[in-house]
Amino acid sequence: MITEIVTFKLRPGMTREDVVTTYRKTAPIWRADPECIRKCYLYDGERRLGGGAYLWRSLEAAKLAHGDAWRKMINELYGSEDEISITYFETPIVADNLVQRTIEEHDTPLATVATE
């Protein structure tokens, strides 16, 4: 598994409410991607940053999801195409209190991680 931390500058004048409303609109995109295990939306009003912490099945999946089309979407939604930071981390273990499990990278199928 891969954890990907993405941050981007927010357009001047965007309120927290504006950002959260936009996040709600984009959540179905990530829920529909079978390679994305989890996404936590991030907001820092003081530094004017938005972003996400993603848990992916693989590094390839993370990079594929955040290509040119995604960068264009980020620019249109938040005005920040040139101010995006992406960092990747190997994620060998996840302590998940929501599903009350410790998930290791070799666990299969990872689909059991997502529950409603």
C-alpha atoms as a PDB file:
ATOM      1  CA  MET A   1       0.000   0.000   0.000  1.00  0.00           C
ATOM      2  CA  ILE A   2       1.034   3.587  -0.611  1.00  0.00           C
ATOM      3  CA  THR A   3       0.099   6.699   1.307  1.00  0.00           C
ATOM      4  CA  GLU A   4       0.122   9.823  -0.830  1.00  0.00           C
ATOM      5  CA  ILE A   5       0.010  13.286   0.707  1.00  0.00           C
ATOM      6  CA  VAL A   6      -1.137  16.003  -1.694  1.00  0.00           C
ATOM      7  CA  THR A   7      -1.306  19.720  -0.892  1.00  0.00           C
ATOM      8  CA  PHE A   8      -2.152  22.684  -3.081  1.00  0.00           C
ATOM      9  CA  LYS A   9      -2.664  26.420  -2.683  1.00  0.00           C
ATOM     10  CA  LEU A  10      -6.231  27.632  -2.519  1.00  0.00           C
ATOM     11  CA  ARG A  11      -7.534  30.406  -4.725  1.00  0.00           C
ATOM     12  CA  PRO A  12      -7.634  33.772  -2.909  1.00  0.00           C
ATOM     13  CA  GLY A  13     -11.045  34.380  -1.390  1.00  0.00           C
ATOM     14  CA  MET A  14     -12.033  30.710  -1.055  1.00  0.00           C
ATOM     15  CA  THR A  15     -13.656  30.164   2.313  1.00  0.00           C
ATOM     16  CA  ARG A  16     -13.565  26.936   4.296  1.00  0.00           C
ATOM     17  CA  GLU A  17     -17.207  26.463   3.312  1.00  0.00           C
ATOM     18  CA  ASP A  18     -16.309  26.861  -0.397  1.00  0.00           C
ATOM     19  CA  VAL A  19     -13.546  24.272  -0.062  1.00  0.00           C
ATOM     20  CA  VAL A  20     -15.687  21.750   1.819  1.00  0.00           C
ATOM     21  CA  THR A  21     -18.498  22.145  -0.715  1.00  0.00           C
ATOM     22  CA  THR A  22     -16.041  21.393  -3.523  1.00  0.00           C
ATOM     23  CA  TYR A  23     -14.661  18.407  -1.599  1.00  0.00           C
ATOM     24  CA  ARG A  24     -18.170  16.982  -1.326  1.00  0.00           C
ATOM     25  CA  LYS A  25     -18.567  17.276  -5.105  1.00  0.00           C
ATOM     26  CA  THR A  26     -15.307  15.418  -5.774  1.00  0.00           C
ATOM     27  CA  ALA A  27     -15.758  12.627  -3.207  1.00  0.00           C
ATOM     28  CA  PRO A  28     -17.684  10.385  -5.658  1.00  0.00           C
ATOM     29  CA  ILE A  29     -14.667  10.421  -8.005  1.00  0.00           C
ATOM     30  CA  TRP A  30     -12.482   8.809  -5.347  1.00  0.00           C
ATOM     31  CA  ARG A  31     -15.208   6.477  -4.098  1.00  0.00           C
ATOM     32  CA  ALA A  32     -15.538   5.143  -7.655  1.00  0.00           C
ATOM     33  CA  ASP A  33     -11.815   4.401  -8.034  1.00  0.00           C
ATOM     34  CA  PRO A  34     -11.212   0.782  -6.961  1.00  0.00           C
ATOM     35  CA  GLU A  35      -7.488   1.467  -6.515  1.00  0.00           C
ATOM     36  CA  CYS A  36      -8.141   4.179  -3.912  1.00  0.00           C
ATOM     37  CA  ILE A  37      -8.688   2.554  -0.535  1.00  0.00           C
ATOM     38  CA  ARG A  38      -9.274   5.770   1.390  1.00  0.00           C
ATOM     39  CA  LYS A  39      -9.023   9.538   0.986  1.00  0.00           C
ATOM     40  CA  CYS A  40      -8.944  12.054   3.824  1.00  0.00           C
ATOM     41  CA  TYR A  41      -9.540  15.617   2.647  1.00  0.00           C
ATOM     42  CA  LEU A  42      -7.208  18.231   4.157  1.00  0.00           C
ATOM     43  CA  TYR A  43      -7.708  21.944   4.868  1.00  0.00           C
ATOM     44  CA  ASP A  44      -5.362  24.529   6.404  1.00  0.00           C
ATOM     45  CA  GLY A  45      -6.977  27.958   6.503  1.00  0.00           C
ATOM     46  CA  GLU A  46      -3.941  29.742   7.917  1.00  0.00           C
ATOM     47  CA  ARG A  47      -1.601  28.618   5.146  1.00  0.00           C
ATOM     48  CA  ARG A  48      -4.385  28.621   2.496  1.00  0.00           C
ATOM     49  CA  LEU A  49      -3.796  24.949   1.642  1.00  0.00           C
ATOM     50  CA  GLY A  50      -6.112  22.182   0.586  1.00  0.00           C
ATOM     51  CA  GLY A  51      -5.274  18.607  -0.225  1.00  0.00           C
ATOM     52  CA  GLY A  52      -5.711  14.971   0.557  1.00  0.00           C
ATOM     53  CA  ALA A  53      -4.139  12.010   2.286  1.00  0.00           C
ATOM     54  CA  TYR A  54      -4.778   8.949   0.137  1.00  0.00           C
ATOM     55  CA  LEU A  55      -4.267   5.266   0.782  1.00  0.00           C
ATOM     56  CA  TRP A  56      -3.657   3.460  -2.517  1.00  0.00           C
ATOM     57  CA  ARG A  57      -3.182  -0.154  -3.515  1.00  0.00           C
ATOM     58  CA  SER A  58       0.010   0.770  -5.403  1.00  0.00           C
ATOM     59  CA  LEU A  59       2.302   3.634  -6.366  1.00  0.00           C
ATOM     60  CA  GLU A  60       1.306   3.161 -10.004  1.00  0.00           C
ATOM     61  CA  ALA A  61      -2.361   3.693  -9.131  1.00  0.00           C
ATOM     62  CA  ALA A  62      -1.562   6.903  -7.237  1.00  0.00           C
ATOM     63  CA  LYS A  63       0.477   8.327 -10.106  1.00  0.00           C
ATOM     64  CA  LEU A  64      -2.127   7.338 -12.682  1.00  0.00           C
ATOM     65  CA  ALA A  65      -4.925   9.060 -10.746  1.00  0.00           C
ATOM     66  CA  HIS A  66      -2.963  12.294 -10.425  1.00  0.00           C
ATOM     67  CA  GLY A  67      -1.956  12.899 -14.009  1.00  0.00           C
ATOM     68  CA  ASP A  68      -2.591  15.795 -16.370  1.00  0.00           C
ATOM     69  CA  ALA A  69      -6.409  15.622 -16.243  1.00  0.00           C
ATOM     70  CA  TRP A  70      -6.352  15.733 -12.434  1.00  0.00           C
ATOM     71  CA  ARG A  71      -3.953  18.707 -12.431  1.00  0.00           C
ATOM     72  CA  LYS A  72      -6.290  20.537 -14.798  1.00  0.00           C
ATOM     73  CA  MET A  73      -9.230  19.794 -12.477  1.00  0.00           C
ATOM     74  CA  ILE A  74      -7.288  21.091  -9.444  1.00  0.00           C
ATOM     75  CA  ASN A  75      -6.474  24.300 -11.289  1.00  0.00           C
ATOM     76  CA  GLU A  76     -10.107  24.805 -12.331  1.00  0.00           C
ATOM     77  CA  LEU A  77     -11.505  24.066  -8.863  1.00  0.00           C
ATOM     78  CA  TYR A  78      -8.879  25.736  -6.674  1.00  0.00           C
ATOM     79  CA  GLY A  79      -6.651  27.846  -8.957  1.00  0.00           C
ATOM     80  CA  SER A  80      -3.482  26.031  -7.933  1.00  0.00           C
ATOM     81  CA  GLU A  81      -2.072  23.966 -10.819  1.00  0.00           C
ATOM     82  CA  ASP A  82       1.458  25.309 -10.361  1.00  0.00           C
ATOM     83  CA  GLU A  83       1.446  24.986  -6.571  1.00  0.00           C
ATOM     84  CA  ILE A  84       0.900  21.256  -5.977  1.00  0.00           C
ATOM     85  CA  SER A  85       3.048  19.132  -3.685  1.00  0.00           C
ATOM     86  CA  ILE A  86       2.884  15.313  -3.745  1.00  0.00           C
ATOM     87  CA  THR A  87       4.758  12.976  -1.395  1.00  0.00           C
ATOM     88  CA  TYR A  88       4.583   9.158  -1.353  1.00  0.00           C
ATOM     89  CA  PHE A  89       5.192   6.768   1.537  1.00  0.00           C
ATOM     90  CA  GLU A  90       5.208   2.986   1.649  1.00  0.00           C
ATOM     91  CA  THR A  91       2.470   1.914   4.050  1.00  0.00           C
ATOM     92  CA  PRO A  92       3.147  -1.556   5.409  1.00  0.00           C
ATOM     93  CA  ILE A  93       0.548  -1.395   8.212  1.00  0.00           C
ATOM     94  CA  VAL A  94      -2.655   0.552   8.858  1.00  0.00           C
ATOM     95  CA  ALA A  95      -4.277   0.585  12.307  1.00  0.00           C
ATOM     96  CA  ASP A  96      -7.903   1.138  11.324  1.00  0.00           C
ATOM     97  CA  ASN A  97     -10.290   1.889  14.166  1.00  0.00           C
ATOM     98  CA  LEU A  98     -13.266   2.299  11.846  1.00  0.00           C
ATOM     99  CA  VAL A  99     -13.223  -1.351  10.791  1.00  0.00           C
ATOM    100  CA  GLN A 100     -11.486  -2.393  14.008  1.00  0.00           C
ATOM    101  CA  ARG A 101      -8.600  -4.110  12.220  1.00  0.00           C
ATOM    102  CA  THR A 102      -4.906  -3.855  11.695  1.00  0.00           C
ATOM    103  CA  ILE A 103      -4.378  -4.129   7.948  1.00  0.00           C
ATOM    104  CA  GLU A 104      -1.048  -5.267   6.580  1.00  0.00           C
ATOM    105  CA  GLU A 105       0.165  -4.764   3.027  1.00  0.00           C
ATOM    106  CA  HIS A 106      -0.093  -8.471   2.224  1.00  0.00           C
ATOM    107  CA  ASP A 107      -3.741  -8.721   3.360  1.00  0.00           C
ATOM    108  CA  THR A 108      -6.110  -9.738   0.593  1.00  0.00           C
ATOM    109  CA  PRO A 109      -8.527  -8.701  -0.551  1.00  0.00           C
ATOM    110  CA  LEU A 110      -8.067  -5.062   0.385  1.00  0.00           C
ATOM    111  CA  ALA A 111     -11.661  -4.508  -0.660  1.00  0.00           C
ATOM    112  CA  THR A 112     -12.626  -5.679   2.822  1.00  0.00           C
ATOM    113  CA  VAL A 113     -11.149  -2.436   4.175  1.00  0.00           C
ATOM    114  CA  ALA A 114     -14.054  -0.352   2.855  1.00  0.00           C
ATOM    115  CA  THR A 115     -17.306  -0.772   4.740  1.00  0.00           C
ATOM    116  CA  GLU A 116     -20.403   1.357   5.082  1.00  0.00           C
END
